[in-house]
Amino acid sequence: MQITLLTGKISKIKSKFGFNLEVKTSLKAKRISLKIDAKKKLPVVTLPKFCTANYAIDFIERHLDWIDESLNKIPEKVIFNHGDQISIMGQIYEVNHCPDARAGVWLEDGKVNISGGAEFLNSRLKNFIKKVAKNELSKLARQKAKDINCYVNNIVVKDTKTRWGSCSTKSNINFSWRIVLAPSIVIDYLISHEVCHLIHHNHSKEFWAELDNLAIDMKTGKEWLKESGNGLFSYF
């Protein structure tokens, strides 16, 4: 009975609007919330247990402009192609497809070379970049942690599309692999940001002061991510 009523409420909400909309409920939610799923390119509304359909509809209608603006900001899907110029750990490389080669993916003379069929170019290059991200980000993060007398337990590179990194209370750090496509000053900023969370598990004045000391150029890195970072999430 509860499932039927819940399904009916969600159906009523979704049928009110002429666009795709994901509506879900959460027993833990204390208030209605709205976010954009960049991967699916649709708004997601989370309802608390006793939220009515009419209240949810009114809430969504009041945020239609925000939804429209946010969806328009989502970059179009981008894949790697022969001839592209890309940055890997701050160095510019030309994507070079080598269909007759049998050497996987390798860097040489300012080019990132990819062997095999053209249909595998994007996936092979992406996997290569993920390996570079794991190796280089791990090395740099551990060195940064050492600089402030801290220890990183584990470092994981993920395929996240909504956040660049995170640091847990267990001293585990996660990074999005796409950050290695950013300029080196930005990579340094993000690594420094997450490493500083080993000491400060918040964004207090003390955190920002620590970060300003650790990062090469905190202001530039932070501003670049804010203004241009979203474009890197378009790489799939």
C-alpha atoms as a PDB file:
ATOM      1  CA  MET A   1       0.000   0.000   0.000  1.00  0.00           C
ATOM      2  CA  GLN A   2       2.795   2.361   0.881  1.00  0.00           C
ATOM      3  CA  ILE A   3       4.574   1.624  -2.399  1.00  0.00           C
ATOM      4  CA  THR A   4       1.386   2.331  -4.369  1.00  0.00           C
ATOM      5  CA  LEU A   5       0.842   5.669  -2.665  1.00  0.00           C
ATOM      6  CA  LEU A   6       4.495   6.615  -3.074  1.00  0.00           C
ATOM      7  CA  THR A   7       4.498   5.687  -6.734  1.00  0.00           C
ATOM      8  CA  GLY A   8       1.342   7.720  -7.270  1.00  0.00           C
ATOM      9  CA  LYS A   9       2.830  10.778  -5.633  1.00  0.00           C
ATOM     10  CA  ILE A  10       5.982  10.585  -7.702  1.00  0.00           C
ATOM     11  CA  SER A  11       3.960  10.005 -10.858  1.00  0.00           C
ATOM     12  CA  LYS A  12       1.852  13.081 -10.156  1.00  0.00           C
ATOM     13  CA  ILE A  13       4.941  15.227  -9.673  1.00  0.00           C
ATOM     14  CA  LYS A  14       6.703  13.996 -12.808  1.00  0.00           C
ATOM     15  CA  SER A  15       3.613  14.298 -15.014  1.00  0.00           C
ATOM     16  CA  LYS A  16       3.309  17.980 -14.123  1.00  0.00           C
ATOM     17  CA  PHE A  17       6.446  18.920 -16.025  1.00  0.00           C
ATOM     18  CA  GLY A  18       7.375  18.592 -19.668  1.00  0.00           C
ATOM     19  CA  PHE A  19      10.934  17.412 -19.107  1.00  0.00           C
ATOM     20  CA  ASN A  20      12.696  14.402 -17.612  1.00  0.00           C
ATOM     21  CA  LEU A  21      12.811  14.580 -13.852  1.00  0.00           C
ATOM     22  CA  GLU A  22      14.006  12.110 -11.251  1.00  0.00           C
ATOM     23  CA  VAL A  23      12.014  12.117  -8.022  1.00  0.00           C
ATOM     24  CA  LYS A  24      12.975  10.004  -5.045  1.00  0.00           C
ATOM     25  CA  THR A  25      12.217   9.893  -1.345  1.00  0.00           C
ATOM     26  CA  SER A  26      14.550   9.590   1.605  1.00  0.00           C
ATOM     27  CA  LEU A  27      13.674   8.667   5.170  1.00  0.00           C
ATOM     28  CA  LYS A  28      16.749  10.587   6.299  1.00  0.00           C
ATOM     29  CA  ALA A  29      15.917  13.805   4.440  1.00  0.00           C
ATOM     30  CA  LYS A  30      14.631  16.615   6.642  1.00  0.00           C
ATOM     31  CA  ARG A  31      13.726  18.929   3.776  1.00  0.00           C
ATOM     32  CA  ILE A  32      13.158  18.824   0.039  1.00  0.00           C
ATOM     33  CA  SER A  33      16.297  19.196  -2.065  1.00  0.00           C
ATOM     34  CA  LEU A  34      17.158  19.698  -5.712  1.00  0.00           C
ATOM     35  CA  LYS A  35      20.332  18.943  -7.628  1.00  0.00           C
ATOM     36  CA  ILE A  36      21.438  18.295 -11.190  1.00  0.00           C
ATOM     37  CA  ASP A  37      22.768  14.896 -12.244  1.00  0.00           C
ATOM     38  CA  ALA A  38      25.367  15.962 -14.804  1.00  0.00           C
ATOM     39  CA  LYS A  39      25.852  12.433 -16.139  1.00  0.00           C
ATOM     40  CA  LYS A  40      22.149  11.857 -16.810  1.00  0.00           C
ATOM     41  CA  LYS A  41      21.549  15.544 -17.607  1.00  0.00           C
ATOM     42  CA  LEU A  42      18.429  15.787 -15.509  1.00  0.00           C
ATOM     43  CA  PRO A  43      17.274  17.388 -12.265  1.00  0.00           C
ATOM     44  CA  VAL A  44      16.924  15.170  -9.205  1.00  0.00           C
ATOM     45  CA  VAL A  45      14.448  16.034  -6.465  1.00  0.00           C
ATOM     46  CA  THR A  46      14.691  14.295  -3.103  1.00  0.00           C
ATOM     47  CA  LEU A  47      11.612  14.377  -0.886  1.00  0.00           C
ATOM     48  CA  PRO A  48      11.388  13.897   2.868  1.00  0.00           C
ATOM     49  CA  LYS A  49       8.925  11.274   4.049  1.00  0.00           C
ATOM     50  CA  PHE A  50       5.892  13.515   4.597  1.00  0.00           C
ATOM     51  CA  CYS A  51       6.363  15.907   1.676  1.00  0.00           C
ATOM     52  CA  THR A  52       3.169  16.262  -0.370  1.00  0.00           C
ATOM     53  CA  ALA A  53       3.032  16.198  -4.144  1.00  0.00           C
ATOM     54  CA  ASN A  54       1.619  19.730  -4.285  1.00  0.00           C
ATOM     55  CA  TYR A  55       4.412  21.121  -2.137  1.00  0.00           C
ATOM     56  CA  ALA A  56       7.026  19.390  -4.302  1.00  0.00           C
ATOM     57  CA  ILE A  57       5.439  20.728  -7.488  1.00  0.00           C
ATOM     58  CA  ASP A  58       5.411  24.260  -6.099  1.00  0.00           C
ATOM     59  CA  PHE A  59       9.062  23.893  -5.037  1.00  0.00           C
ATOM     60  CA  ILE A  60      10.115  22.719  -8.497  1.00  0.00           C
ATOM     61  CA  GLU A  61       8.151  25.476 -10.244  1.00  0.00           C
ATOM     62  CA  ARG A  62       9.949  28.093  -8.148  1.00  0.00           C
ATOM     63  CA  HIS A  63      13.284  26.662  -9.297  1.00  0.00           C
ATOM     64  CA  LEU A  64      12.568  26.204 -13.006  1.00  0.00           C
ATOM     65  CA  ASP A  65      14.909  29.021 -14.030  1.00  0.00           C
ATOM     66  CA  TRP A  66      17.701  27.539 -11.939  1.00  0.00           C
ATOM     67  CA  ILE A  67      17.096  24.107 -13.462  1.00  0.00           C
ATOM     68  CA  ASP A  68      17.212  25.531 -16.982  1.00  0.00           C
ATOM     69  CA  GLU A  69      20.397  27.498 -16.322  1.00  0.00           C
ATOM     70  CA  SER A  70      22.091  24.550 -14.647  1.00  0.00           C
ATOM     71  CA  LEU A  71      21.248  22.114 -17.444  1.00  0.00           C
ATOM     72  CA  ASN A  72      22.572  24.573 -20.035  1.00  0.00           C
ATOM     73  CA  LYS A  73      25.874  24.743 -18.184  1.00  0.00           C
ATOM     74  CA  ILE A  74      26.490  21.011 -18.549  1.00  0.00           C
ATOM     75  CA  PRO A  75      29.118  20.613 -21.279  1.00  0.00           C
ATOM     76  CA  GLU A  76      28.528  18.327 -24.219  1.00  0.00           C
ATOM     77  CA  LYS A  77      30.166  14.918 -24.074  1.00  0.00           C
ATOM     78  CA  VAL A  78      33.735  15.008 -25.382  1.00  0.00           C
ATOM     79  CA  ILE A  79      35.843  12.060 -26.479  1.00  0.00           C
ATOM     80  CA  PHE A  80      39.528  12.009 -27.400  1.00  0.00           C
ATOM     81  CA  ASN A  81      40.282  12.121 -31.120  1.00  0.00           C
ATOM     82  CA  HIS A  82      43.358  11.945 -33.327  1.00  0.00           C
ATOM     83  CA  GLY A  83      44.966  15.377 -33.580  1.00  0.00           C
ATOM     84  CA  ASP A  84      43.575  16.741 -30.304  1.00  0.00           C
ATOM     85  CA  GLN A  85      45.830  18.784 -28.055  1.00  0.00           C
ATOM     86  CA  ILE A  86      45.470  17.714 -24.433  1.00  0.00           C
ATOM     87  CA  SER A  87      47.260  18.467 -21.183  1.00  0.00           C
ATOM     88  CA  ILE A  88      48.528  15.597 -19.036  1.00  0.00           C
ATOM     89  CA  MET A  89      50.042  16.612 -15.710  1.00  0.00           C
ATOM     90  CA  GLY A  90      50.665  20.104 -17.043  1.00  0.00           C
ATOM     91  CA  GLN A  91      52.361  19.015 -20.289  1.00  0.00           C
ATOM     92  CA  ILE A  92      50.699  19.475 -23.692  1.00  0.00           C
ATOM     93  CA  TYR A  93      50.537  16.437 -25.952  1.00  0.00           C
ATOM     94  CA  GLU A  94      49.058  15.787 -29.365  1.00  0.00           C
ATOM     95  CA  VAL A  95      46.802  12.740 -29.582  1.00  0.00           C
ATOM     96  CA  ASN A  96      48.336  10.510 -32.239  1.00  0.00           C
ATOM     97  CA  HIS A  97      46.541   7.412 -33.484  1.00  0.00           C
ATOM     98  CA  CYS A  98      48.937   4.646 -34.573  1.00  0.00           C
ATOM     99  CA  PRO A  99      46.649   1.907 -35.954  1.00  0.00           C
ATOM    100  CA  ASP A 100      49.466  -0.398 -37.038  1.00  0.00           C
ATOM    101  CA  ALA A 101      51.455  -0.190 -33.823  1.00  0.00           C
ATOM    102  CA  ARG A 102      51.313  -2.858 -31.150  1.00  0.00           C
ATOM    103  CA  ALA A 103      52.616  -0.896 -28.197  1.00  0.00           C
ATOM    104  CA  GLY A 104      49.493   0.156 -26.296  1.00  0.00           C
ATOM    105  CA  VAL A 105      49.712   3.830 -25.299  1.00  0.00           C
ATOM    106  CA  TRP A 106      52.947   5.746 -24.807  1.00  0.00           C
ATOM    107  CA  LEU A 107      54.338   9.282 -24.622  1.00  0.00           C
ATOM    108  CA  GLU A 108      57.026  10.335 -27.081  1.00  0.00           C
ATOM    109  CA  ASP A 109      58.228  13.637 -28.575  1.00  0.00           C
ATOM    110  CA  GLY A 110      55.252  15.688 -27.432  1.00  0.00           C
ATOM    111  CA  LYS A 111      52.721  13.093 -28.559  1.00  0.00           C
ATOM    112  CA  VAL A 112      50.545  10.577 -26.760  1.00  0.00           C
ATOM    113  CA  ASN A 113      50.451   7.609 -29.134  1.00  0.00           C
ATOM    114  CA  ILE A 114      47.587   5.120 -29.157  1.00  0.00           C
ATOM    115  CA  SER A 115      47.782   1.835 -31.038  1.00  0.00           C
ATOM    116  CA  GLY A 116      44.937  -0.330 -32.331  1.00  0.00           C
ATOM    117  CA  GLY A 117      41.641   0.429 -34.011  1.00  0.00           C
ATOM    118  CA  ALA A 118      40.144   3.921 -34.004  1.00  0.00           C
ATOM    119  CA  GLU A 119      37.093   2.648 -32.108  1.00  0.00           C
ATOM    120  CA  PHE A 120      39.350   1.910 -29.111  1.00  0.00           C
ATOM    121  CA  LEU A 121      41.243   5.209 -29.111  1.00  0.00           C
ATOM    122  CA  ASN A 122      39.110   7.011 -26.538  1.00  0.00           C
ATOM    123  CA  SER A 123      38.882   4.134 -24.052  1.00  0.00           C
ATOM    124  CA  ARG A 124      42.562   3.228 -24.320  1.00  0.00           C
ATOM    125  CA  LEU A 125      43.698   6.810 -23.859  1.00  0.00           C
ATOM    126  CA  LYS A 126      41.331   7.300 -20.935  1.00  0.00           C
ATOM    127  CA  ASN A 127      42.643   4.153 -19.223  1.00  0.00           C
ATOM    128  CA  PHE A 128      46.197   5.347 -19.792  1.00  0.00           C
ATOM    129  CA  ILE A 129      45.420   8.742 -18.254  1.00  0.00           C
ATOM    130  CA  LYS A 130      43.813   7.026 -15.256  1.00  0.00           C
ATOM    131  CA  LYS A 131      47.041   5.085 -14.669  1.00  0.00           C
ATOM    132  CA  VAL A 132      49.060   8.281 -14.922  1.00  0.00           C
ATOM    133  CA  ALA A 133      46.648   9.918 -12.476  1.00  0.00           C
ATOM    134  CA  LYS A 134      47.000   7.078  -9.972  1.00  0.00           C
ATOM    135  CA  ASN A 135      50.793   7.099 -10.091  1.00  0.00           C
ATOM    136  CA  GLU A 136      51.423  10.844 -10.210  1.00  0.00           C
ATOM    137  CA  LEU A 137      48.688  12.030  -7.858  1.00  0.00           C
ATOM    138  CA  SER A 138      49.649   9.390  -5.294  1.00  0.00           C
ATOM    139  CA  LYS A 139      53.300  10.420  -5.395  1.00  0.00           C
ATOM    140  CA  LEU A 140      52.553  14.128  -5.131  1.00  0.00           C
ATOM    141  CA  ALA A 141      49.915  13.730  -2.422  1.00  0.00           C
ATOM    142  CA  ARG A 142      52.209  11.647  -0.230  1.00  0.00           C
ATOM    143  CA  GLN A 143      54.966  14.216  -0.609  1.00  0.00           C
ATOM    144  CA  LYS A 144      52.574  17.045   0.279  1.00  0.00           C
ATOM    145  CA  ALA A 145      51.399  15.109   3.328  1.00  0.00           C
ATOM    146  CA  LYS A 146      55.003  14.597   4.388  1.00  0.00           C
ATOM    147  CA  ASP A 147      55.603  18.341   4.092  1.00  0.00           C
ATOM    148  CA  ILE A 148      53.000  18.989   6.795  1.00  0.00           C
ATOM    149  CA  ASN A 149      53.961  15.946   8.889  1.00  0.00           C
ATOM    150  CA  CYS A 150      50.893  13.910   7.953  1.00  0.00           C
ATOM    151  CA  TYR A 151      50.303  10.436   6.598  1.00  0.00           C
ATOM    152  CA  VAL A 152      47.966   9.370   3.772  1.00  0.00           C
ATOM    153  CA  ASN A 153      46.458   5.936   4.331  1.00  0.00           C
ATOM    154  CA  ASN A 154      45.129   5.198   0.850  1.00  0.00           C
ATOM    155  CA  ILE A 155      44.751   7.118  -2.414  1.00  0.00           C
ATOM    156  CA  VAL A 156      42.104   6.162  -4.977  1.00  0.00           C
ATOM    157  CA  VAL A 157      41.472   7.624  -8.419  1.00  0.00           C
ATOM    158  CA  LYS A 158      37.782   7.544  -9.317  1.00  0.00           C
ATOM    159  CA  ASP A 159      35.503   8.351 -12.229  1.00  0.00           C
ATOM    160  CA  THR A 160      33.595  11.011 -10.279  1.00  0.00           C
ATOM    161  CA  LYS A 161      31.743  13.708 -12.189  1.00  0.00           C
ATOM    162  CA  THR A 162      30.493  15.957  -9.427  1.00  0.00           C
ATOM    163  CA  ARG A 163      33.535  16.489  -7.221  1.00  0.00           C
ATOM    164  CA  TRP A 164      37.275  16.719  -7.742  1.00  0.00           C
ATOM    165  CA  GLY A 165      38.418  15.075  -4.578  1.00  0.00           C
ATOM    166  CA  SER A 166      37.651  14.098  -1.011  1.00  0.00           C
ATOM    167  CA  CYS A 167      39.455  13.194   2.186  1.00  0.00           C
ATOM    168  CA  SER A 168      37.975  10.927   4.843  1.00  0.00           C
ATOM    169  CA  THR A 169      38.551  10.948   8.578  1.00  0.00           C
ATOM    170  CA  LYS A 170      40.495   7.705   8.050  1.00  0.00           C
ATOM    171  CA  SER A 171      43.079   9.648   5.982  1.00  0.00           C
ATOM    172  CA  ASN A 172      41.940   8.187   2.670  1.00  0.00           C
ATOM    173  CA  ILE A 173      42.034  10.567  -0.298  1.00  0.00           C
ATOM    174  CA  ASN A 174      40.041  10.253  -3.519  1.00  0.00           C
ATOM    175  CA  PHE A 175      40.681  12.142  -6.756  1.00  0.00           C
ATOM    176  CA  SER A 176      38.815  12.420 -10.036  1.00  0.00           C
ATOM    177  CA  TRP A 177      41.108  11.196 -12.825  1.00  0.00           C
ATOM    178  CA  ARG A 178      40.121  14.213 -14.943  1.00  0.00           C
ATOM    179  CA  ILE A 179      42.124  16.602 -12.750  1.00  0.00           C
ATOM    180  CA  VAL A 180      45.338  15.543 -14.524  1.00  0.00           C
ATOM    181  CA  LEU A 181      43.959  17.250 -17.653  1.00  0.00           C
ATOM    182  CA  ALA A 182      44.124  20.596 -15.843  1.00  0.00           C
ATOM    183  CA  PRO A 183      47.149  22.936 -15.700  1.00  0.00           C
ATOM    184  CA  SER A 184      49.858  21.919 -13.232  1.00  0.00           C
ATOM    185  CA  ILE A 185      49.085  24.823 -10.885  1.00  0.00           C
ATOM    186  CA  VAL A 186      45.512  23.526 -10.593  1.00  0.00           C
ATOM    187  CA  ILE A 187      46.644  19.962  -9.932  1.00  0.00           C
ATOM    188  CA  ASP A 188      48.903  21.254  -7.188  1.00  0.00           C
ATOM    189  CA  TYR A 189      46.022  23.224  -5.678  1.00  0.00           C
ATOM    190  CA  LEU A 190      43.655  20.242  -5.575  1.00  0.00           C
ATOM    191  CA  ILE A 191      46.237  17.901  -4.091  1.00  0.00           C
ATOM    192  CA  SER A 192      47.108  20.509  -1.476  1.00  0.00           C
ATOM    193  CA  HIS A 193      43.415  21.054  -0.734  1.00  0.00           C
ATOM    194  CA  GLU A 194      42.742  17.397   0.017  1.00  0.00           C
ATOM    195  CA  VAL A 195      45.983  16.906   1.931  1.00  0.00           C
ATOM    196  CA  CYS A 196      45.125  19.853   4.191  1.00  0.00           C
ATOM    197  CA  HIS A 197      41.941  18.021   5.127  1.00  0.00           C
ATOM    198  CA  LEU A 198      44.159  15.458   6.842  1.00  0.00           C
ATOM    199  CA  ILE A 199      44.548  18.125   9.529  1.00  0.00           C
ATOM    200  CA  HIS A 200      41.412  20.223   9.154  1.00  0.00           C
ATOM    201  CA  HIS A 201      38.222  18.287   8.357  1.00  0.00           C
ATOM    202  CA  ASN A 202      36.391  21.499   7.500  1.00  0.00           C
ATOM    203  CA  HIS A 203      36.848  24.753   5.601  1.00  0.00           C
ATOM    204  CA  SER A 204      37.745  26.911   8.571  1.00  0.00           C
ATOM    205  CA  LYS A 205      40.100  29.901   8.518  1.00  0.00           C
ATOM    206  CA  GLU A 206      42.812  27.577   9.777  1.00  0.00           C
ATOM    207  CA  PHE A 207      42.219  25.240   6.825  1.00  0.00           C
ATOM    208  CA  TRP A 208      42.552  28.013   4.233  1.00  0.00           C
ATOM    209  CA  ALA A 209      45.655  29.377   5.946  1.00  0.00           C
ATOM    210  CA  GLU A 210      47.239  25.914   5.862  1.00  0.00           C
ATOM    211  CA  LEU A 211      46.284  25.520   2.211  1.00  0.00           C
ATOM    212  CA  ASP A 212      47.693  28.929   1.291  1.00  0.00           C
ATOM    213  CA  ASN A 213      51.039  27.865   2.743  1.00  0.00           C
ATOM    214  CA  LEU A 214      51.060  24.442   1.102  1.00  0.00           C
ATOM    215  CA  ALA A 215      49.816  25.222  -2.415  1.00  0.00           C
ATOM    216  CA  ILE A 216      52.025  26.938  -4.972  1.00  0.00           C
ATOM    217  CA  ASP A 217      49.246  29.377  -5.901  1.00  0.00           C
ATOM    218  CA  MET A 218      45.997  28.735  -4.045  1.00  0.00           C
ATOM    219  CA  LYS A 219      44.091  31.667  -5.554  1.00  0.00           C
ATOM    220  CA  THR A 220      44.878  30.813  -9.174  1.00  0.00           C
ATOM    221  CA  GLY A 221      44.155  27.110  -8.722  1.00  0.00           C
ATOM    222  CA  LYS A 222      40.884  27.725  -6.919  1.00  0.00           C
ATOM    223  CA  GLU A 223      39.668  30.273  -9.481  1.00  0.00           C
ATOM    224  CA  TRP A 224      40.576  28.037 -12.442  1.00  0.00           C
ATOM    225  CA  LEU A 225      38.578  25.133 -11.049  1.00  0.00           C
ATOM    226  CA  LYS A 226      35.616  27.419 -10.412  1.00  0.00           C
ATOM    227  CA  GLU A 227      35.679  29.024 -13.860  1.00  0.00           C
ATOM    228  CA  SER A 228      36.964  26.235 -16.135  1.00  0.00           C
ATOM    229  CA  GLY A 229      36.884  22.992 -14.193  1.00  0.00           C
ATOM    230  CA  ASN A 230      33.409  22.022 -15.308  1.00  0.00           C
ATOM    231  CA  GLY A 231      34.646  21.616 -18.870  1.00  0.00           C
ATOM    232  CA  LEU A 232      36.860  18.689 -17.852  1.00  0.00           C
ATOM    233  CA  PHE A 233      33.819  16.747 -16.673  1.00  0.00           C
ATOM    234  CA  SER A 234      32.744  16.551 -20.322  1.00  0.00           C
ATOM    235  CA  TYR A 235      35.446  13.953 -21.013  1.00  0.00           C
ATOM    236  CA  PHE A 236      33.931  10.459 -20.978  1.00  0.00           C
END
